[in-house]
Amino acid sequence: MKLEDLQYVPEHRLATAFTVYRVQRSAARPGTARVGALKLAPAGLLTARFDLPGHVVGYFAEAPETAMYESLARREALSLSLAAVGARQLLAMQSTRSLRLADLRPHVSTWPFLQSLRYALTQQIAADAHRQGYEGLVYRSAQQHGQDCLALFGPALGALKLIKRVPLVDATGGLHRAVANALLGSQVPLVP
C-alpha cells in the first residue's frame, strides 16, 4: 500500500521546541538500539505499526497519559503488574528543529487498518512515506480516543533532546500521575 492509496495525505510540520512523550524500559535489553536518551527496538524487526525494514523507529505521544495508554494500558491488556510499571520511565523530549511528517489523522475513520493489528499495511505506508522524504508520521492513537501519536524515522530521532526523565514508580512506591490516570481511564487493574 502506498500513501497515494489514501488519496489525501497532508504534510504536517512538527514545530521546533514541540514536546513529545515516550514510555520506555529503564534498563536496556540486549540488542536495544540507542539514539541519545532513547532506547529503541532494533531496526528491521517489523513488530510495530509503522516499523521500517532498515531503520529504527521511535514512537511518541503528544501527552503523558497517551504514552501510558499506548505502552501499558492497551486495549488487549487484562492487567498490569507493578513490577512492569516500575521497570519503566517516562521521557519528555523536545524537537530541536522542525520535522516534516505525513499526517494520517484524516483517515482514521475511513481506513480502519490504521488502528488495527494489520501491521503489514501500515508498515508499507511508513516505508512509502520514508521514500518520499517524510521524517515520520502523525496519527491518531489506537488506544486513547482523539489523541495524537508520532512515529519518527531513524535520523529524525537525533532532532529530539531530553527534557525530563521520570520513573513511573517513585522511591516511596507511588505511581506517576499519568500512569494512575491511564489505569483509571482504561480500567486495567494493577496487580502486585
N, C-alpha and C. Protein backbone atom coordinates (compact mmCIF):
# COMPACT_ATOMS: atom_id res chain seq x y z
N MET A 1 0.84 -1.18 0.00
CA MET A 1 0.00 0.00 0.00
C MET A 1 0.89 1.23 0.00
N LYS A 2 0.48 2.25 -0.70
CA LYS A 2 1.22 3.50 -0.81
C LYS A 2 0.42 4.66 -0.24
N LEU A 3 1.11 5.76 0.05
CA LEU A 3 0.42 6.95 0.55
C LEU A 3 -0.67 7.41 -0.41
N GLU A 4 -0.42 7.28 -1.72
CA GLU A 4 -1.39 7.73 -2.72
C GLU A 4 -2.71 6.97 -2.61
N ASP A 5 -2.68 5.76 -2.08
CA ASP A 5 -3.91 4.99 -1.91
C ASP A 5 -4.84 5.66 -0.90
N LEU A 6 -4.30 6.49 -0.05
CA LEU A 6 -5.12 7.21 0.93
C LEU A 6 -5.74 8.47 0.34
N GLN A 7 -5.40 8.81 -0.89
CA GLN A 7 -5.95 9.91 -1.67
C GLN A 7 -5.50 11.29 -1.21
N TYR A 8 -5.47 11.53 0.07
CA TYR A 8 -5.09 12.85 0.57
C TYR A 8 -4.30 12.68 1.84
N VAL A 9 -3.03 13.05 1.79
CA VAL A 9 -2.19 12.97 2.98
C VAL A 9 -1.52 14.33 3.14
N PRO A 10 -2.06 15.16 4.03
CA PRO A 10 -1.43 16.48 4.22
C PRO A 10 -0.07 16.36 4.89
N GLU A 11 0.76 17.34 4.63
CA GLU A 11 2.04 17.42 5.32
C GLU A 11 1.82 18.14 6.64
N HIS A 12 2.43 17.62 7.67
CA HIS A 12 2.36 18.25 8.99
C HIS A 12 3.78 18.63 9.40
N ARG A 13 3.96 19.85 9.81
CA ARG A 13 5.27 20.29 10.30
C ARG A 13 5.24 20.29 11.82
N LEU A 14 6.06 19.43 12.40
CA LEU A 14 6.20 19.44 13.84
C LEU A 14 7.11 20.61 14.17
N ALA A 15 6.63 21.52 14.97
CA ALA A 15 7.36 22.76 15.25
C ALA A 15 8.61 22.51 16.09
N THR A 16 9.57 23.38 15.94
CA THR A 16 10.74 23.38 16.81
C THR A 16 10.26 23.62 18.25
N ALA A 17 10.87 22.95 19.20
CA ALA A 17 10.56 23.05 20.63
C ALA A 17 9.20 22.43 20.98
N PHE A 18 8.71 21.51 20.15
CA PHE A 18 7.48 20.78 20.45
C PHE A 18 7.83 19.63 21.38
N THR A 19 7.06 19.41 22.43
CA THR A 19 7.34 18.36 23.40
C THR A 19 6.53 17.10 23.11
N VAL A 20 7.22 15.97 23.12
CA VAL A 20 6.58 14.67 22.93
C VAL A 20 7.00 13.77 24.10
N TYR A 21 6.22 12.70 24.30
CA TYR A 21 6.43 11.82 25.46
C TYR A 21 6.56 10.37 25.01
N ARG A 22 7.35 9.64 25.78
CA ARG A 22 7.58 8.23 25.47
C ARG A 22 7.79 7.45 26.76
N VAL A 23 7.21 6.27 26.83
CA VAL A 23 7.47 5.34 27.92
C VAL A 23 8.45 4.30 27.39
N GLN A 24 9.50 4.06 28.16
CA GLN A 24 10.47 3.04 27.76
C GLN A 24 11.02 2.35 29.00
N ARG A 25 11.66 1.22 28.78
CA ARG A 25 12.29 0.49 29.89
C ARG A 25 13.42 1.34 30.47
N SER A 26 13.60 1.24 31.75
CA SER A 26 14.70 1.96 32.40
C SER A 26 16.04 1.34 32.04
N ALA A 27 16.09 0.02 31.98
CA ALA A 27 17.32 -0.69 31.63
C ALA A 27 17.18 -1.27 30.23
N ALA A 28 18.21 -1.09 29.43
CA ALA A 28 18.19 -1.61 28.06
C ALA A 28 18.28 -3.13 28.06
N ARG A 29 17.62 -3.73 27.09
CA ARG A 29 17.71 -5.18 26.88
C ARG A 29 18.77 -5.44 25.82
N PRO A 30 19.27 -6.67 25.73
CA PRO A 30 20.27 -6.97 24.69
C PRO A 30 19.72 -6.63 23.30
N GLY A 31 20.55 -5.99 22.49
CA GLY A 31 20.15 -5.64 21.13
C GLY A 31 19.44 -4.31 21.00
N THR A 32 19.19 -3.66 22.12
CA THR A 32 18.49 -2.37 22.08
C THR A 32 19.30 -1.36 21.28
N ALA A 33 18.60 -0.63 20.41
CA ALA A 33 19.24 0.46 19.67
C ALA A 33 19.14 1.72 20.52
N ARG A 34 20.19 2.51 20.50
CA ARG A 34 20.20 3.75 21.29
C ARG A 34 20.39 4.94 20.38
N VAL A 35 19.58 5.96 20.64
CA VAL A 35 19.74 7.26 19.99
C VAL A 35 19.60 8.29 21.10
N GLY A 36 20.70 8.83 21.57
CA GLY A 36 20.66 9.74 22.71
C GLY A 36 20.06 9.03 23.91
N ALA A 37 19.03 9.62 24.51
CA ALA A 37 18.37 9.04 25.68
C ALA A 37 17.39 7.93 25.31
N LEU A 38 17.14 7.76 24.03
CA LEU A 38 16.14 6.79 23.58
C LEU A 38 16.70 5.37 23.54
N LYS A 39 15.89 4.44 24.02
CA LYS A 39 16.17 3.01 23.90
C LYS A 39 15.08 2.45 22.99
N LEU A 40 15.50 1.93 21.83
CA LEU A 40 14.54 1.54 20.80
C LEU A 40 14.73 0.08 20.40
N ALA A 41 13.67 -0.47 19.84
CA ALA A 41 13.77 -1.82 19.28
C ALA A 41 14.75 -1.77 18.11
N PRO A 42 15.49 -2.84 17.90
CA PRO A 42 16.43 -2.86 16.78
C PRO A 42 15.72 -2.66 15.45
N ALA A 43 16.42 -2.10 14.49
CA ALA A 43 15.86 -1.89 13.15
C ALA A 43 15.53 -3.22 12.51
N GLY A 44 14.42 -3.22 11.77
CA GLY A 44 14.09 -4.37 10.94
C GLY A 44 13.26 -5.45 11.58
N LEU A 45 12.87 -5.32 12.86
CA LEU A 45 12.06 -6.38 13.48
C LEU A 45 10.65 -6.44 12.91
N LEU A 46 10.13 -5.30 12.50
CA LEU A 46 8.79 -5.19 11.92
C LEU A 46 7.71 -5.77 12.83
N THR A 47 7.77 -5.39 14.10
CA THR A 47 6.78 -5.87 15.07
C THR A 47 5.82 -4.79 15.53
N ALA A 48 6.01 -3.57 15.06
CA ALA A 48 5.13 -2.47 15.48
C ALA A 48 4.50 -1.81 14.25
N ARG A 49 3.50 -1.02 14.51
CA ARG A 49 2.63 -0.44 13.48
C ARG A 49 3.35 0.19 12.29
N PHE A 50 4.31 1.06 12.51
CA PHE A 50 4.95 1.79 11.41
C PHE A 50 6.44 1.48 11.29
N ASP A 51 6.85 0.29 11.71
CA ASP A 51 8.26 -0.09 11.62
C ASP A 51 8.75 -0.12 10.17
N LEU A 52 10.02 0.19 10.01
CA LEU A 52 10.68 0.17 8.71
C LEU A 52 11.69 -0.97 8.68
N PRO A 53 11.94 -1.55 7.50
CA PRO A 53 12.88 -2.66 7.42
C PRO A 53 14.32 -2.30 7.80
N GLY A 54 14.81 -1.12 7.44
CA GLY A 54 16.22 -0.83 7.65
C GLY A 54 16.52 0.33 8.58
N HIS A 55 15.54 0.81 9.32
CA HIS A 55 15.75 1.96 10.19
C HIS A 55 15.03 1.76 11.52
N VAL A 56 15.59 2.32 12.57
CA VAL A 56 14.87 2.33 13.84
C VAL A 56 13.73 3.33 13.73
N VAL A 57 12.68 3.08 14.48
CA VAL A 57 11.52 3.97 14.52
C VAL A 57 11.20 4.22 15.99
N GLY A 58 11.01 5.48 16.33
CA GLY A 58 10.64 5.85 17.70
C GLY A 58 9.19 6.26 17.74
N TYR A 59 8.47 5.76 18.74
CA TYR A 59 7.05 6.06 18.89
C TYR A 59 6.86 7.01 20.07
N PHE A 60 6.04 8.04 19.86
CA PHE A 60 5.84 9.09 20.84
C PHE A 60 4.37 9.48 20.90
N ALA A 61 4.00 10.15 21.97
CA ALA A 61 2.64 10.68 22.13
C ALA A 61 2.73 12.16 22.46
N GLU A 62 1.65 12.88 22.19
CA GLU A 62 1.63 14.31 22.47
C GLU A 62 1.26 14.61 23.92
N ALA A 63 0.89 13.59 24.69
CA ALA A 63 0.55 13.80 26.10
C ALA A 63 1.06 12.61 26.92
N PRO A 64 1.45 12.84 28.17
CA PRO A 64 1.95 11.74 29.00
C PRO A 64 0.94 10.60 29.16
N GLU A 65 -0.34 10.92 29.36
CA GLU A 65 -1.35 9.88 29.53
C GLU A 65 -1.47 9.01 28.28
N THR A 66 -1.39 9.65 27.11
CA THR A 66 -1.47 8.89 25.86
C THR A 66 -0.28 7.95 25.74
N ALA A 67 0.89 8.38 26.15
CA ALA A 67 2.06 7.50 26.15
C ALA A 67 1.81 6.29 27.05
N MET A 68 1.11 6.48 28.16
CA MET A 68 0.80 5.36 29.06
C MET A 68 -0.19 4.40 28.40
N TYR A 69 -1.23 4.96 27.78
CA TYR A 69 -2.20 4.11 27.08
C TYR A 69 -1.52 3.31 25.98
N GLU A 70 -0.67 3.95 25.21
CA GLU A 70 -0.02 3.29 24.08
C GLU A 70 0.94 2.19 24.52
N SER A 71 1.57 2.34 25.66
CA SER A 71 2.60 1.37 26.05
C SER A 71 2.16 0.40 27.14
N LEU A 72 1.30 0.83 28.06
CA LEU A 72 0.96 -0.01 29.21
C LEU A 72 -0.52 -0.38 29.30
N ALA A 73 -1.39 0.59 29.17
CA ALA A 73 -2.83 0.38 29.39
C ALA A 73 -3.54 0.13 28.06
N ARG A 74 -3.00 -0.77 27.28
CA ARG A 74 -3.54 -1.06 25.95
C ARG A 74 -4.87 -1.82 26.04
N ARG A 75 -5.66 -1.75 24.99
CA ARG A 75 -6.96 -2.42 24.97
C ARG A 75 -6.88 -3.90 25.30
N GLU A 76 -5.85 -4.56 24.80
CA GLU A 76 -5.77 -6.00 24.99
C GLU A 76 -5.23 -6.39 26.37
N ALA A 77 -4.78 -5.42 27.16
CA ALA A 77 -4.23 -5.71 28.49
C ALA A 77 -5.34 -6.15 29.45
N LEU A 78 -5.12 -7.28 30.11
CA LEU A 78 -6.07 -7.76 31.11
C LEU A 78 -5.71 -7.25 32.49
N SER A 79 -4.41 -7.01 32.70
CA SER A 79 -3.92 -6.45 33.96
C SER A 79 -2.52 -5.92 33.69
N LEU A 80 -2.00 -5.21 34.66
CA LEU A 80 -0.67 -4.64 34.55
C LEU A 80 0.04 -4.83 35.89
N SER A 81 1.23 -5.39 35.84
CA SER A 81 1.94 -5.65 37.10
C SER A 81 2.70 -4.41 37.55
N LEU A 82 2.77 -4.25 38.84
CA LEU A 82 3.53 -3.14 39.42
C LEU A 82 5.00 -3.25 39.03
N ALA A 83 5.50 -4.48 38.92
CA ALA A 83 6.90 -4.68 38.53
C ALA A 83 7.15 -4.17 37.11
N ALA A 84 6.20 -4.41 36.20
CA ALA A 84 6.35 -3.93 34.81
C ALA A 84 6.33 -2.41 34.77
N VAL A 85 5.46 -1.80 35.55
CA VAL A 85 5.40 -0.34 35.60
C VAL A 85 6.69 0.21 36.21
N GLY A 86 7.15 -0.41 37.29
CA GLY A 86 8.35 0.05 37.97
C GLY A 86 9.62 -0.07 37.14
N ALA A 87 9.59 -0.89 36.12
CA ALA A 87 10.76 -1.08 35.26
C ALA A 87 10.80 -0.08 34.11
N ARG A 88 9.89 0.89 34.12
CA ARG A 88 9.80 1.85 33.02
C ARG A 88 9.90 3.29 33.51
N GLN A 89 10.15 4.15 32.54
CA GLN A 89 10.28 5.58 32.82
C GLN A 89 9.55 6.37 31.72
N LEU A 90 9.20 7.59 32.06
CA LEU A 90 8.58 8.50 31.11
C LEU A 90 9.62 9.51 30.67
N LEU A 91 9.80 9.64 29.36
CA LEU A 91 10.69 10.65 28.81
C LEU A 91 9.85 11.78 28.24
N ALA A 92 10.26 13.00 28.52
CA ALA A 92 9.73 14.19 27.84
C ALA A 92 10.86 14.68 26.96
N MET A 93 10.58 14.78 25.66
CA MET A 93 11.61 15.18 24.71
C MET A 93 11.09 16.34 23.88
N GLN A 94 12.02 17.17 23.43
CA GLN A 94 11.65 18.36 22.67
C GLN A 94 12.39 18.36 21.34
N SER A 95 11.66 18.74 20.28
CA SER A 95 12.27 18.81 18.95
C SER A 95 13.21 20.02 18.89
N THR A 96 14.36 19.81 18.29
CA THR A 96 15.35 20.89 18.16
C THR A 96 15.25 21.60 16.81
N ARG A 97 14.43 21.03 15.93
CA ARG A 97 14.17 21.64 14.62
C ARG A 97 12.80 21.19 14.15
N SER A 98 12.31 21.81 13.11
CA SER A 98 11.04 21.42 12.52
C SER A 98 11.20 20.07 11.82
N LEU A 99 10.19 19.22 11.94
CA LEU A 99 10.22 17.91 11.31
C LEU A 99 9.05 17.78 10.34
N ARG A 100 9.32 17.23 9.17
CA ARG A 100 8.30 17.06 8.12
C ARG A 100 7.66 15.68 8.27
N LEU A 101 6.37 15.67 8.60
CA LEU A 101 5.65 14.42 8.85
C LEU A 101 4.48 14.26 7.88
N ALA A 102 4.16 13.03 7.54
CA ALA A 102 2.94 12.72 6.79
C ALA A 102 1.82 12.60 7.82
N ASP A 103 0.71 13.25 7.56
CA ASP A 103 -0.42 13.31 8.51
C ASP A 103 -1.47 12.28 8.13
N LEU A 104 -1.58 11.21 8.91
CA LEU A 104 -2.57 10.16 8.66
C LEU A 104 -3.86 10.36 9.44
N ARG A 105 -3.94 11.39 10.25
CA ARG A 105 -5.11 11.59 11.10
C ARG A 105 -6.42 11.72 10.34
N PRO A 106 -6.45 12.34 9.14
CA PRO A 106 -7.74 12.45 8.44
C PRO A 106 -8.33 11.11 8.03
N HIS A 107 -7.55 10.03 8.07
CA HIS A 107 -8.01 8.74 7.55
C HIS A 107 -8.40 7.75 8.63
N VAL A 108 -8.48 8.18 9.86
CA VAL A 108 -8.72 7.26 10.96
C VAL A 108 -10.07 6.55 10.83
N SER A 109 -11.09 7.21 10.30
CA SER A 109 -12.40 6.55 10.21
C SER A 109 -12.59 5.82 8.88
N THR A 110 -11.92 6.24 7.82
CA THR A 110 -12.14 5.63 6.52
C THR A 110 -11.17 4.50 6.21
N TRP A 111 -10.06 4.44 6.88
CA TRP A 111 -9.08 3.37 6.68
C TRP A 111 -8.81 2.72 8.04
N PRO A 112 -9.69 1.82 8.48
CA PRO A 112 -9.58 1.27 9.85
C PRO A 112 -8.29 0.50 10.11
N PHE A 113 -7.60 0.04 9.06
CA PHE A 113 -6.36 -0.70 9.32
C PHE A 113 -5.31 0.18 9.98
N LEU A 114 -5.48 1.52 9.91
CA LEU A 114 -4.52 2.40 10.55
C LEU A 114 -4.51 2.22 12.07
N GLN A 115 -5.59 1.63 12.60
CA GLN A 115 -5.64 1.38 14.04
C GLN A 115 -5.75 -0.10 14.37
N SER A 116 -5.67 -0.95 13.38
CA SER A 116 -5.82 -2.39 13.61
C SER A 116 -4.45 -3.04 13.84
N LEU A 117 -4.49 -4.33 14.02
CA LEU A 117 -3.26 -5.09 14.19
C LEU A 117 -2.70 -5.58 12.86
N ARG A 118 -3.25 -5.12 11.74
CA ARG A 118 -2.74 -5.49 10.41
C ARG A 118 -1.53 -4.60 10.09
N TYR A 119 -0.43 -4.89 10.74
CA TYR A 119 0.74 -4.02 10.67
C TYR A 119 1.41 -3.98 9.30
N ALA A 120 1.29 -5.02 8.51
CA ALA A 120 1.96 -5.03 7.21
C ALA A 120 1.51 -3.84 6.36
N LEU A 121 0.23 -3.50 6.40
CA LEU A 121 -0.27 -2.37 5.61
C LEU A 121 0.28 -1.04 6.11
N THR A 122 0.31 -0.87 7.42
CA THR A 122 0.82 0.39 7.96
C THR A 122 2.33 0.49 7.75
N GLN A 123 3.01 -0.64 7.79
CA GLN A 123 4.45 -0.64 7.53
C GLN A 123 4.75 -0.27 6.08
N GLN A 124 3.90 -0.69 5.16
CA GLN A 124 4.06 -0.31 3.75
C GLN A 124 3.88 1.20 3.59
N ILE A 125 2.90 1.75 4.29
CA ILE A 125 2.67 3.20 4.23
C ILE A 125 3.87 3.95 4.81
N ALA A 126 4.40 3.45 5.92
CA ALA A 126 5.58 4.08 6.53
C ALA A 126 6.76 4.04 5.58
N ALA A 127 6.98 2.90 4.94
CA ALA A 127 8.10 2.77 4.00
C ALA A 127 7.93 3.74 2.83
N ASP A 128 6.71 3.89 2.33
CA ASP A 128 6.46 4.81 1.23
C ASP A 128 6.69 6.26 1.68
N ALA A 129 6.23 6.61 2.88
CA ALA A 129 6.44 7.96 3.41
C ALA A 129 7.94 8.23 3.55
N HIS A 130 8.68 7.26 4.04
CA HIS A 130 10.13 7.41 4.19
C HIS A 130 10.79 7.62 2.83
N ARG A 131 10.38 6.85 1.84
CA ARG A 131 10.93 7.00 0.48
C ARG A 131 10.65 8.40 -0.08
N GLN A 132 9.51 8.97 0.30
CA GLN A 132 9.12 10.29 -0.19
C GLN A 132 9.75 11.44 0.61
N GLY A 133 10.61 11.11 1.55
CA GLY A 133 11.33 12.14 2.28
C GLY A 133 10.68 12.61 3.57
N TYR A 134 9.58 11.98 3.97
CA TYR A 134 8.99 12.34 5.27
C TYR A 134 9.89 11.81 6.38
N GLU A 135 9.93 12.54 7.49
CA GLU A 135 10.76 12.15 8.63
C GLU A 135 9.99 11.33 9.65
N GLY A 136 8.72 11.16 9.39
CA GLY A 136 7.87 10.37 10.28
C GLY A 136 6.42 10.57 9.93
N LEU A 137 5.57 10.10 10.84
CA LEU A 137 4.13 10.15 10.66
C LEU A 137 3.46 10.70 11.91
N VAL A 138 2.35 11.37 11.73
CA VAL A 138 1.49 11.72 12.86
C VAL A 138 0.17 10.99 12.62
N TYR A 139 -0.37 10.37 13.67
CA TYR A 139 -1.56 9.54 13.53
C TYR A 139 -2.35 9.57 14.83
N ARG A 140 -3.59 9.11 14.76
CA ARG A 140 -4.43 9.03 15.95
C ARG A 140 -4.07 7.80 16.77
N SER A 141 -4.11 7.95 18.06
CA SER A 141 -3.87 6.83 18.96
C SER A 141 -4.93 5.76 18.77
N ALA A 142 -4.50 4.51 18.73
CA ALA A 142 -5.43 3.39 18.67
C ALA A 142 -5.90 3.01 20.07
N GLN A 143 -5.30 3.61 21.09
CA GLN A 143 -5.59 3.23 22.47
C GLN A 143 -6.37 4.28 23.25
N GLN A 144 -6.21 5.55 22.91
CA GLN A 144 -6.91 6.62 23.63
C GLN A 144 -7.58 7.52 22.60
N HIS A 145 -8.88 7.49 22.58
CA HIS A 145 -9.67 8.18 21.56
C HIS A 145 -9.31 9.67 21.47
N GLY A 146 -9.11 10.11 20.23
CA GLY A 146 -8.91 11.53 19.96
C GLY A 146 -7.53 12.08 20.25
N GLN A 147 -6.61 11.24 20.64
CA GLN A 147 -5.26 11.70 20.97
C GLN A 147 -4.29 11.39 19.83
N ASP A 148 -3.22 12.16 19.74
CA ASP A 148 -2.28 12.02 18.65
C ASP A 148 -0.97 11.37 19.08
N CYS A 149 -0.39 10.63 18.13
CA CYS A 149 0.89 9.97 18.33
C CYS A 149 1.78 10.25 17.13
N LEU A 150 3.07 10.00 17.31
CA LEU A 150 4.03 10.19 16.23
C LEU A 150 4.94 8.98 16.13
N ALA A 151 5.30 8.65 14.91
CA ALA A 151 6.34 7.67 14.64
C ALA A 151 7.43 8.43 13.90
N LEU A 152 8.62 8.50 14.47
CA LEU A 152 9.73 9.22 13.85
C LEU A 152 10.76 8.22 13.35
N PHE A 153 11.20 8.45 12.10
CA PHE A 153 12.12 7.54 11.43
C PHE A 153 13.57 7.91 11.72
N GLY A 154 14.41 6.90 11.92
CA GLY A 154 15.85 6.99 12.06
C GLY A 154 16.47 8.33 12.34
N PRO A 155 16.95 9.05 11.31
CA PRO A 155 17.67 10.30 11.51
C PRO A 155 16.87 11.39 12.25
N ALA A 156 15.56 11.39 12.11
CA ALA A 156 14.74 12.40 12.79
C ALA A 156 14.84 12.27 14.31
N LEU A 157 15.16 11.08 14.80
CA LEU A 157 15.26 10.87 16.25
C LEU A 157 16.39 11.70 16.85
N GLY A 158 17.41 11.99 16.06
CA GLY A 158 18.50 12.83 16.53
C GLY A 158 18.10 14.28 16.71
N ALA A 159 16.92 14.64 16.23
CA ALA A 159 16.42 16.01 16.38
C ALA A 159 15.60 16.18 17.66
N LEU A 160 15.68 15.21 18.57
CA LEU A 160 14.98 15.31 19.85
C LEU A 160 16.00 15.41 20.98
N LYS A 161 15.74 16.30 21.91
CA LYS A 161 16.61 16.39 23.09
C LYS A 161 15.79 16.07 24.33
N LEU A 162 16.43 15.43 25.27
CA LEU A 162 15.78 15.04 26.51
C LEU A 162 15.54 16.27 27.38
N ILE A 163 14.32 16.43 27.84
CA ILE A 163 13.98 17.50 28.78
C ILE A 163 13.89 16.93 30.19
N LYS A 164 13.25 15.76 30.28
CA LYS A 164 12.99 15.19 31.59
C LYS A 164 12.84 13.67 31.48
N ARG A 165 13.34 12.98 32.50
CA ARG A 165 13.20 11.52 32.61
C ARG A 165 12.68 11.25 34.02
N VAL A 166 11.55 10.56 34.10
CA VAL A 166 10.91 10.34 35.40
C VAL A 166 10.54 8.86 35.53
N PRO A 167 10.88 8.22 36.65
CA PRO A 167 10.43 6.84 36.85
C PRO A 167 8.91 6.80 37.01
N LEU A 168 8.31 5.70 36.58
CA LEU A 168 6.85 5.58 36.70
C LEU A 168 6.41 5.20 38.10
N VAL A 169 7.35 4.65 38.88
CA VAL A 169 7.09 4.37 40.29
C VAL A 169 8.21 5.04 41.07
N ASP A 170 7.86 5.92 41.99
CA ASP A 170 8.89 6.66 42.73
C ASP A 170 9.47 5.83 43.87
N ALA A 171 10.41 6.38 44.58
CA ALA A 171 11.12 5.67 45.65
C ALA A 171 10.19 5.22 46.78
N THR A 172 9.06 5.88 46.95
CA THR A 172 8.12 5.50 48.01
C THR A 172 7.09 4.48 47.52
N GLY A 173 7.16 4.11 46.23
CA GLY A 173 6.19 3.16 45.67
C GLY A 173 4.99 3.82 45.03
N GLY A 174 4.99 5.16 44.99
CA GLY A 174 3.87 5.88 44.40
C GLY A 174 3.93 5.88 42.88
N LEU A 175 2.75 5.78 42.26
CA LEU A 175 2.65 5.80 40.80
C LEU A 175 2.71 7.21 40.26
N HIS A 176 3.33 7.37 39.11
CA HIS A 176 3.29 8.64 38.39
C HIS A 176 1.82 8.95 38.07
N ARG A 177 1.46 10.20 38.13
CA ARG A 177 0.07 10.61 37.91
C ARG A 177 -0.47 10.14 36.56
N ALA A 178 0.34 10.20 35.51
CA ALA A 178 -0.11 9.78 34.18
C ALA A 178 -0.44 8.29 34.15
N VAL A 179 0.31 7.47 34.90
CA VAL A 179 0.02 6.04 34.99
C VAL A 179 -1.31 5.85 35.69
N ALA A 180 -1.49 6.51 36.83
CA ALA A 180 -2.73 6.39 37.59
C ALA A 180 -3.93 6.81 36.74
N ASN A 181 -3.81 7.91 36.00
CA ASN A 181 -4.90 8.37 35.14
C ASN A 181 -5.22 7.36 34.03
N ALA A 182 -4.19 6.80 33.42
CA ALA A 182 -4.40 5.82 32.35
C ALA A 182 -5.04 4.54 32.88
N LEU A 183 -4.59 4.09 34.05
CA LEU A 183 -5.19 2.88 34.63
C LEU A 183 -6.64 3.12 35.01
N LEU A 184 -6.93 4.27 35.53
CA LEU A 184 -8.31 4.60 35.88
C LEU A 184 -9.17 4.68 34.61
N GLY A 185 -8.69 5.37 33.61
CA GLY A 185 -9.45 5.53 32.38
C GLY A 185 -9.63 4.25 31.60
N SER A 186 -8.63 3.39 31.60
CA SER A 186 -8.71 2.14 30.84
C SER A 186 -9.36 1.00 31.63
N GLN A 187 -9.42 1.18 32.94
CA GLN A 187 -9.93 0.13 33.85
C GLN A 187 -9.07 -1.13 33.79
N VAL A 188 -7.79 -0.97 33.50
CA VAL A 188 -6.85 -2.08 33.57
C VAL A 188 -6.38 -2.16 35.02
N PRO A 189 -6.59 -3.31 35.68
CA PRO A 189 -6.19 -3.42 37.08
C PRO A 189 -4.67 -3.53 37.25
N LEU A 190 -4.17 -2.92 38.30
CA LEU A 190 -2.77 -3.03 38.68
C LEU A 190 -2.65 -4.18 39.67
N VAL A 191 -1.75 -5.11 39.37
CA VAL A 191 -1.58 -6.27 40.24
C VAL A 191 -0.15 -6.28 40.80
N PRO A 192 0.07 -6.95 41.95
CA PRO A 192 1.41 -6.97 42.54
C PRO A 192 2.45 -7.62 41.64
